[in-house]
């Protein structure tokens, strides 16, 4: 009976009636849509490296992009994203979402996480997403100091979701960092360019099954349940 089905879920201290996370993309989530998704029972993830933290009012720019031909839109978007991120707008956008009485959730890439961590804490963000095309717990770089996910999550006062990943081993490593959730999906989205740019893509249902198996292993080892969050389409 449909009346016996409960689709609500809990992550850390937060409960949601709708099992939906709005993807951290400028084309999906604005502060206003994050609020509306929250009111409907889900949670919207705001991209803190997008137009909402680069411009005080990006609506005219978004309307301009929507009217452009495809061959011109990419070049114009590259110009728009050359505007620097303004740290004060990070806190402002988070407070706009929190002010509406819904759970605030926002994302940064690993390379910018440490730089803007203070702004997240000062604005009292509820949930934080460390998101990249492919994220590992043991990132290696010879040109910069990489984010130590395990140390960062242990010392950070906000619950952290990390991703993406698409294999058993990668998911297990990310779960062992202390993340409360793992984003699963590399190259499966309808608008995703990863397959074309990198030549990498994993079937989404397979990736979810592998990550779920990793969760069972992690749960058996630690007694800690980590959410597997599908980040991509199946069609």
C-alpha atoms as a PDB file:
ATOM      1  CA  UNK A   1       0.000   0.000   0.000  1.00  0.00           C
ATOM      2  CA  UNK A   2       1.433   3.421  -0.929  1.00  0.00           C
ATOM      3  CA  UNK A   3       0.346   4.672   2.483  1.00  0.00           C
ATOM      4  CA  UNK A   4       2.882   2.314   4.071  1.00  0.00           C
ATOM      5  CA  UNK A   5       5.811   3.744   2.106  1.00  0.00           C
ATOM      6  CA  UNK A   6       8.088   6.271   3.833  1.00  0.00           C
ATOM      7  CA  UNK A   7      10.443   8.120   1.464  1.00  0.00           C
ATOM      8  CA  UNK A   8      11.839  10.467   4.114  1.00  0.00           C
ATOM      9  CA  UNK A   9      15.540  10.299   4.979  1.00  0.00           C
ATOM     10  CA  UNK A  10      17.954  11.658   7.542  1.00  0.00           C
ATOM     11  CA  UNK A  11      21.533  12.808   7.120  1.00  0.00           C
ATOM     12  CA  UNK A  12      23.422  13.841  10.218  1.00  0.00           C
ATOM     13  CA  UNK A  13      20.937  15.950  12.263  1.00  0.00           C
ATOM     14  CA  UNK A  14      18.687  16.821   9.307  1.00  0.00           C
ATOM     15  CA  UNK A  15      15.522  15.090   8.153  1.00  0.00           C
ATOM     16  CA  UNK A  16      13.996  15.497   4.702  1.00  0.00           C
ATOM     17  CA  UNK A  17      10.577  14.359   3.527  1.00  0.00           C
ATOM     18  CA  UNK A  18      11.645  14.196  -0.135  1.00  0.00           C
ATOM     19  CA  UNK A  19      14.705  12.126  -1.215  1.00  0.00           C
ATOM     20  CA  UNK A  20      15.975  14.819  -3.581  1.00  0.00           C
ATOM     21  CA  UNK A  21      19.116  16.960  -3.718  1.00  0.00           C
ATOM     22  CA  UNK A  22      19.175  19.760  -6.299  1.00  0.00           C
ATOM     23  CA  UNK A  23      22.512  19.495  -8.123  1.00  0.00           C
ATOM     24  CA  UNK A  24      25.151  22.163  -7.442  1.00  0.00           C
ATOM     25  CA  UNK A  25      24.960  23.745 -10.903  1.00  0.00           C
ATOM     26  CA  UNK A  26      24.094  27.319 -11.837  1.00  0.00           C
ATOM     27  CA  UNK A  27      21.592  25.943 -14.339  1.00  0.00           C
ATOM     28  CA  UNK A  28      19.775  24.056 -11.565  1.00  0.00           C
ATOM     29  CA  UNK A  29      20.036  25.815  -8.190  1.00  0.00           C
ATOM     30  CA  UNK A  30      19.850  29.486  -7.274  1.00  0.00           C
ATOM     31  CA  UNK A  31      19.237  30.746  -3.730  1.00  0.00           C
ATOM     32  CA  UNK A  32      15.537  31.041  -4.628  1.00  0.00           C
ATOM     33  CA  UNK A  33      15.262  27.505  -6.016  1.00  0.00           C
ATOM     34  CA  UNK A  34      17.215  26.139  -3.029  1.00  0.00           C
ATOM     35  CA  UNK A  35      14.582  27.693  -0.780  1.00  0.00           C
ATOM     36  CA  UNK A  36      11.727  26.277  -2.864  1.00  0.00           C
ATOM     37  CA  UNK A  37      13.256  22.777  -2.940  1.00  0.00           C
ATOM     38  CA  UNK A  38      13.654  23.018   0.824  1.00  0.00           C
ATOM     39  CA  UNK A  39      10.023  23.972   1.269  1.00  0.00           C
ATOM     40  CA  UNK A  40       8.994  20.963  -0.831  1.00  0.00           C
ATOM     41  CA  UNK A  41      10.940  18.677   1.494  1.00  0.00           C
ATOM     42  CA  UNK A  42      14.254  18.232  -0.324  1.00  0.00           C
ATOM     43  CA  UNK A  43      17.528  20.147  -0.257  1.00  0.00           C
ATOM     44  CA  UNK A  44      19.116  22.320  -2.931  1.00  0.00           C
ATOM     45  CA  UNK A  45      22.909  22.515  -3.205  1.00  0.00           C
ATOM     46  CA  UNK A  46      24.185  25.958  -4.204  1.00  0.00           C
ATOM     47  CA  UNK A  47      27.393  26.121  -6.237  1.00  0.00           C
ATOM     48  CA  UNK A  48      29.585  28.607  -4.341  1.00  0.00           C
ATOM     49  CA  UNK A  49      31.893  29.003  -7.346  1.00  0.00           C
ATOM     50  CA  UNK A  50      29.147  29.994  -9.744  1.00  0.00           C
ATOM     51  CA  UNK A  51      27.530  33.244 -10.786  1.00  0.00           C
ATOM     52  CA  UNK A  52      25.770  33.732  -7.439  1.00  0.00           C
ATOM     53  CA  UNK A  53      29.061  34.378  -5.659  1.00  0.00           C
ATOM     54  CA  UNK A  54      30.640  36.322  -8.518  1.00  0.00           C
ATOM     55  CA  UNK A  55      27.844  38.840  -9.138  1.00  0.00           C
ATOM     56  CA  UNK A  56      25.478  40.693  -6.815  1.00  0.00           C
ATOM     57  CA  UNK A  57      22.659  40.232  -9.348  1.00  0.00           C
ATOM     58  CA  UNK A  58      23.398  37.562 -11.987  1.00  0.00           C
ATOM     59  CA  UNK A  59      19.824  37.333 -13.304  1.00  0.00           C
ATOM     60  CA  UNK A  60      20.455  39.586 -16.343  1.00  0.00           C
ATOM     61  CA  UNK A  61      23.480  37.447 -17.268  1.00  0.00           C
ATOM     62  CA  UNK A  62      21.506  34.217 -16.953  1.00  0.00           C
ATOM     63  CA  UNK A  63      18.751  35.661 -19.147  1.00  0.00           C
ATOM     64  CA  UNK A  64      21.366  36.719 -21.710  1.00  0.00           C
ATOM     65  CA  UNK A  65      22.896  33.220 -21.843  1.00  0.00           C
ATOM     66  CA  UNK A  66      19.463  31.649 -22.273  1.00  0.00           C
ATOM     67  CA  UNK A  67      18.857  33.756 -25.401  1.00  0.00           C
ATOM     68  CA  UNK A  68      22.208  33.045 -27.080  1.00  0.00           C
ATOM     69  CA  UNK A  69      22.825  30.509 -29.815  1.00  0.00           C
ATOM     70  CA  UNK A  70      24.725  27.425 -28.671  1.00  0.00           C
ATOM     71  CA  UNK A  71      27.871  28.333 -30.620  1.00  0.00           C
ATOM     72  CA  UNK A  72      28.044  31.741 -28.901  1.00  0.00           C
ATOM     73  CA  UNK A  73      26.897  30.762 -25.396  1.00  0.00           C
ATOM     74  CA  UNK A  74      30.069  28.907 -24.391  1.00  0.00           C
ATOM     75  CA  UNK A  75      32.384  31.815 -25.189  1.00  0.00           C
ATOM     76  CA  UNK A  76      30.113  34.249 -23.347  1.00  0.00           C
ATOM     77  CA  UNK A  77      29.932  31.964 -20.313  1.00  0.00           C
ATOM     78  CA  UNK A  78      33.724  31.788 -20.218  1.00  0.00           C
ATOM     79  CA  UNK A  79      33.808  35.590 -20.062  1.00  0.00           C
ATOM     80  CA  UNK A  80      31.201  35.669 -17.283  1.00  0.00           C
ATOM     81  CA  UNK A  81      33.084  33.148 -15.150  1.00  0.00           C
ATOM     82  CA  UNK A  82      36.299  35.164 -15.352  1.00  0.00           C
ATOM     83  CA  UNK A  83      34.814  37.472 -12.695  1.00  0.00           C
ATOM     84  CA  UNK A  84      36.446  36.620  -9.332  1.00  0.00           C
ATOM     85  CA  UNK A  85      34.540  34.933  -6.515  1.00  0.00           C
ATOM     86  CA  UNK A  86      33.629  37.465  -3.823  1.00  0.00           C
ATOM     87  CA  UNK A  87      33.949  35.939  -0.325  1.00  0.00           C
ATOM     88  CA  UNK A  88      31.308  38.277   1.114  1.00  0.00           C
ATOM     89  CA  UNK A  89      28.740  36.910  -1.359  1.00  0.00           C
ATOM     90  CA  UNK A  90      29.351  33.356  -0.114  1.00  0.00           C
ATOM     91  CA  UNK A  91      28.062  34.269   3.339  1.00  0.00           C
ATOM     92  CA  UNK A  92      25.282  36.413   1.903  1.00  0.00           C
ATOM     93  CA  UNK A  93      23.885  33.578  -0.267  1.00  0.00           C
ATOM     94  CA  UNK A  94      24.015  31.061   2.581  1.00  0.00           C
ATOM     95  CA  UNK A  95      22.161  33.460   4.880  1.00  0.00           C
ATOM     96  CA  UNK A  96      19.515  34.070   2.187  1.00  0.00           C
ATOM     97  CA  UNK A  97      18.730  30.349   2.171  1.00  0.00           C
ATOM     98  CA  UNK A  98      18.865  29.935   5.948  1.00  0.00           C
ATOM     99  CA  UNK A  99      16.710  33.021   6.399  1.00  0.00           C
ATOM    100  CA  UNK A 100      13.856  31.241   4.653  1.00  0.00           C
ATOM    101  CA  UNK A 101      13.824  28.554   7.328  1.00  0.00           C
ATOM    102  CA  UNK A 102      15.175  25.658   5.235  1.00  0.00           C
ATOM    103  CA  UNK A 103      18.377  23.600   5.491  1.00  0.00           C
ATOM    104  CA  UNK A 104      21.252  25.336   3.729  1.00  0.00           C
ATOM    105  CA  UNK A 105      23.597  23.226   1.618  1.00  0.00           C
ATOM    106  CA  UNK A 106      26.375  24.453  -0.674  1.00  0.00           C
ATOM    107  CA  UNK A 107      29.376  23.116  -2.555  1.00  0.00           C
ATOM    108  CA  UNK A 108      32.994  23.934  -3.341  1.00  0.00           C
ATOM    109  CA  UNK A 109      35.632  22.065  -5.319  1.00  0.00           C
ATOM    110  CA  UNK A 110      38.486  20.497  -3.314  1.00  0.00           C
ATOM    111  CA  UNK A 111      41.012  23.102  -4.461  1.00  0.00           C
ATOM    112  CA  UNK A 112      38.924  25.992  -3.081  1.00  0.00           C
ATOM    113  CA  UNK A 113      37.571  24.357   0.075  1.00  0.00           C
ATOM    114  CA  UNK A 114      40.294  25.456   2.492  1.00  0.00           C
ATOM    115  CA  UNK A 115      40.323  28.998   1.077  1.00  0.00           C
ATOM    116  CA  UNK A 116      36.639  29.632   1.778  1.00  0.00           C
ATOM    117  CA  UNK A 117      36.053  27.374   4.804  1.00  0.00           C
ATOM    118  CA  UNK A 118      35.894  30.354   7.177  1.00  0.00           C
ATOM    119  CA  UNK A 119      33.047  31.941   5.181  1.00  0.00           C
ATOM    120  CA  UNK A 120      31.040  28.710   5.491  1.00  0.00           C
ATOM    121  CA  UNK A 121      31.521  28.573   9.243  1.00  0.00           C
ATOM    122  CA  UNK A 122      30.784  32.277   9.759  1.00  0.00           C
ATOM    123  CA  UNK A 123      27.506  31.954   7.815  1.00  0.00           C
ATOM    124  CA  UNK A 124      26.623  28.779   9.771  1.00  0.00           C
ATOM    125  CA  UNK A 125      26.088  26.580   6.705  1.00  0.00           C
ATOM    126  CA  UNK A 126      24.166  23.399   7.603  1.00  0.00           C
ATOM    127  CA  UNK A 127      25.553  20.866   5.090  1.00  0.00           C
ATOM    128  CA  UNK A 128      28.709  21.154   2.970  1.00  0.00           C
ATOM    129  CA  UNK A 129      29.485  19.324  -0.280  1.00  0.00           C
ATOM    130  CA  UNK A 130      33.053  18.875  -1.524  1.00  0.00           C
ATOM    131  CA  UNK A 131      32.402  18.172  -5.177  1.00  0.00           C
ATOM    132  CA  UNK A 132      34.522  17.528  -8.231  1.00  0.00           C
ATOM    133  CA  UNK A 133      34.275  15.462 -11.397  1.00  0.00           C
ATOM    134  CA  UNK A 134      36.308  12.722  -9.708  1.00  0.00           C
ATOM    135  CA  UNK A 135      37.254  13.060  -6.026  1.00  0.00           C
ATOM    136  CA  UNK A 136      39.579  10.738  -4.138  1.00  0.00           C
ATOM    137  CA  UNK A 137      40.568  10.510  -0.498  1.00  0.00           C
ATOM    138  CA  UNK A 138      44.237  10.416  -1.467  1.00  0.00           C
ATOM    139  CA  UNK A 139      44.608  13.211  -4.019  1.00  0.00           C
ATOM    140  CA  UNK A 140      48.177  13.783  -5.228  1.00  0.00           C
ATOM    141  CA  UNK A 141      49.589  17.026  -6.615  1.00  0.00           C
ATOM    142  CA  UNK A 142      53.126  18.239  -7.264  1.00  0.00           C
ATOM    143  CA  UNK A 143      52.056  21.853  -7.891  1.00  0.00           C
ATOM    144  CA  UNK A 144      49.863  22.659  -4.891  1.00  0.00           C
ATOM    145  CA  UNK A 145      49.022  21.441  -1.397  1.00  0.00           C
ATOM    146  CA  UNK A 146      46.036  19.112  -1.942  1.00  0.00           C
ATOM    147  CA  UNK A 147      43.064  19.008   0.398  1.00  0.00           C
ATOM    148  CA  UNK A 148      43.507  16.304   3.023  1.00  0.00           C
ATOM    149  CA  UNK A 149      39.901  15.146   3.137  1.00  0.00           C
ATOM    150  CA  UNK A 150      40.215  12.952   6.199  1.00  0.00           C
ATOM    151  CA  UNK A 151      41.842  15.680   8.306  1.00  0.00           C
ATOM    152  CA  UNK A 152      39.534  18.390   6.959  1.00  0.00           C
ATOM    153  CA  UNK A 153      36.341  16.455   7.703  1.00  0.00           C
ATOM    154  CA  UNK A 154      37.550  15.461  11.168  1.00  0.00           C
ATOM    155  CA  UNK A 155      38.337  19.080  12.099  1.00  0.00           C
ATOM    156  CA  UNK A 156      35.423  20.814  10.298  1.00  0.00           C
ATOM    157  CA  UNK A 157      32.314  21.658  12.340  1.00  0.00           C
ATOM    158  CA  UNK A 158      29.877  21.144   9.442  1.00  0.00           C
ATOM    159  CA  UNK A 159      28.801  17.674   8.156  1.00  0.00           C
ATOM    160  CA  UNK A 160      30.453  16.965   4.793  1.00  0.00           C
ATOM    161  CA  UNK A 161      29.230  15.126   1.693  1.00  0.00           C
ATOM    162  CA  UNK A 162      31.909  14.233  -0.878  1.00  0.00           C
ATOM    163  CA  UNK A 163      31.974  13.096  -4.496  1.00  0.00           C
ATOM    164  CA  UNK A 164      31.875  12.122  -7.212  1.00  0.00           C
ATOM    165  CA  UNK A 165      33.052   8.571  -7.442  1.00  0.00           C
ATOM    166  CA  UNK A 166      31.965   5.545  -9.430  1.00  0.00           C
ATOM    167  CA  UNK A 167      33.762   2.490  -8.046  1.00  0.00           C
ATOM    168  CA  UNK A 168      33.675   0.282  -4.959  1.00  0.00           C
ATOM    169  CA  UNK A 169      37.196   1.183  -3.837  1.00  0.00           C
ATOM    170  CA  UNK A 170      36.846   4.949  -4.371  1.00  0.00           C
ATOM    171  CA  UNK A 171      33.512   5.007  -2.538  1.00  0.00           C
ATOM    172  CA  UNK A 172      34.967   3.028   0.374  1.00  0.00           C
ATOM    173  CA  UNK A 173      37.949   5.403   0.647  1.00  0.00           C
ATOM    174  CA  UNK A 174      35.635   8.416   0.696  1.00  0.00           C
ATOM    175  CA  UNK A 175      33.423   6.842   3.355  1.00  0.00           C
ATOM    176  CA  UNK A 176      36.490   6.243   5.520  1.00  0.00           C
ATOM    177  CA  UNK A 177      37.223   9.994   5.543  1.00  0.00           C
ATOM    178  CA  UNK A 178      34.225  10.504   7.817  1.00  0.00           C
ATOM    179  CA  UNK A 179      31.870  11.919   5.189  1.00  0.00           C
ATOM    180  CA  UNK A 180      28.147  11.641   5.985  1.00  0.00           C
ATOM    181  CA  UNK A 181      27.315  11.058   2.323  1.00  0.00           C
ATOM    182  CA  UNK A 182      28.997  10.141  -0.961  1.00  0.00           C
ATOM    183  CA  UNK A 183      27.968  11.450  -4.382  1.00  0.00           C
ATOM    184  CA  UNK A 184      28.018   8.676  -6.973  1.00  0.00           C
ATOM    185  CA  UNK A 185      28.300   9.285 -10.691  1.00  0.00           C
ATOM    186  CA  UNK A 186      31.005  10.091 -13.242  1.00  0.00           C
ATOM    187  CA  UNK A 187      29.812  11.060 -16.703  1.00  0.00           C
ATOM    188  CA  UNK A 188      26.168   9.896 -16.544  1.00  0.00           C
ATOM    189  CA  UNK A 189      24.267  13.197 -16.586  1.00  0.00           C
ATOM    190  CA  UNK A 190      22.271  14.401 -19.594  1.00  0.00           C
ATOM    191  CA  UNK A 191      24.175  17.709 -19.659  1.00  0.00           C
ATOM    192  CA  UNK A 192      27.453  16.238 -18.400  1.00  0.00           C
ATOM    193  CA  UNK A 193      30.522  16.897 -20.568  1.00  0.00           C
ATOM    194  CA  UNK A 194      32.842  14.488 -18.722  1.00  0.00           C
ATOM    195  CA  UNK A 195      32.451  11.662 -21.230  1.00  0.00           C
ATOM    196  CA  UNK A 196      33.256  13.922 -24.142  1.00  0.00           C
ATOM    197  CA  UNK A 197      36.081  15.871 -22.485  1.00  0.00           C
ATOM    198  CA  UNK A 198      37.823  13.119 -20.527  1.00  0.00           C
ATOM    199  CA  UNK A 199      36.568  10.011 -22.301  1.00  0.00           C
ATOM    200  CA  UNK A 200      35.446   8.660 -18.917  1.00  0.00           C
ATOM    201  CA  UNK A 201      31.986   7.534 -17.946  1.00  0.00           C
ATOM    202  CA  UNK A 202      30.493   4.790 -15.792  1.00  0.00           C
ATOM    203  CA  UNK A 203      26.943   3.430 -16.141  1.00  0.00           C
ATOM    204  CA  UNK A 204      24.994   4.982 -13.288  1.00  0.00           C
ATOM    205  CA  UNK A 205      23.150   1.905 -12.034  1.00  0.00           C
ATOM    206  CA  UNK A 206      26.441  -0.023 -11.863  1.00  0.00           C
ATOM    207  CA  UNK A 207      28.147   2.825  -9.988  1.00  0.00           C
ATOM    208  CA  UNK A 208      25.312   2.984  -7.433  1.00  0.00           C
ATOM    209  CA  UNK A 209      25.411  -0.791  -6.895  1.00  0.00           C
ATOM    210  CA  UNK A 210      29.184  -0.724  -6.355  1.00  0.00           C
ATOM    211  CA  UNK A 211      28.954   2.205  -3.912  1.00  0.00           C
ATOM    212  CA  UNK A 212      26.146   0.470  -2.047  1.00  0.00           C
ATOM    213  CA  UNK A 213      28.369  -2.612  -1.654  1.00  0.00           C
ATOM    214  CA  UNK A 214      31.133  -0.362  -0.309  1.00  0.00           C
ATOM    215  CA  UNK A 215      28.646   1.091   2.187  1.00  0.00           C
ATOM    216  CA  UNK A 216      27.780  -2.397   3.422  1.00  0.00           C
ATOM    217  CA  UNK A 217      31.487  -3.093   3.921  1.00  0.00           C
ATOM    218  CA  UNK A 218      31.995   0.234   5.730  1.00  0.00           C
ATOM    219  CA  UNK A 219      28.921  -0.335   7.907  1.00  0.00           C
ATOM    220  CA  UNK A 220      30.216  -3.790   8.840  1.00  0.00           C
ATOM    221  CA  UNK A 221      33.635  -2.356   9.729  1.00  0.00           C
ATOM    222  CA  UNK A 222      32.549   0.731  11.662  1.00  0.00           C
ATOM    223  CA  UNK A 223      28.821   0.591  12.395  1.00  0.00           C
ATOM    224  CA  UNK A 224      28.499   3.946  10.608  1.00  0.00           C
ATOM    225  CA  UNK A 225      25.880   4.320   7.858  1.00  0.00           C
ATOM    226  CA  UNK A 226      26.895   6.615   4.993  1.00  0.00           C
ATOM    227  CA  UNK A 227      24.354   7.864   2.467  1.00  0.00           C
ATOM    228  CA  UNK A 228      24.876   6.930  -1.183  1.00  0.00           C
ATOM    229  CA  UNK A 229      23.552   9.816  -3.282  1.00  0.00           C
ATOM    230  CA  UNK A 230      23.044   9.280  -7.009  1.00  0.00           C
ATOM    231  CA  UNK A 231      24.509  12.232  -8.918  1.00  0.00           C
ATOM    232  CA  UNK A 232      23.544  11.713 -12.543  1.00  0.00           C
ATOM    233  CA  UNK A 233      20.858  10.435 -14.855  1.00  0.00           C
ATOM    234  CA  UNK A 234      19.763   7.020 -16.060  1.00  0.00           C
ATOM    235  CA  UNK A 235      18.053   6.861 -19.406  1.00  0.00           C
END
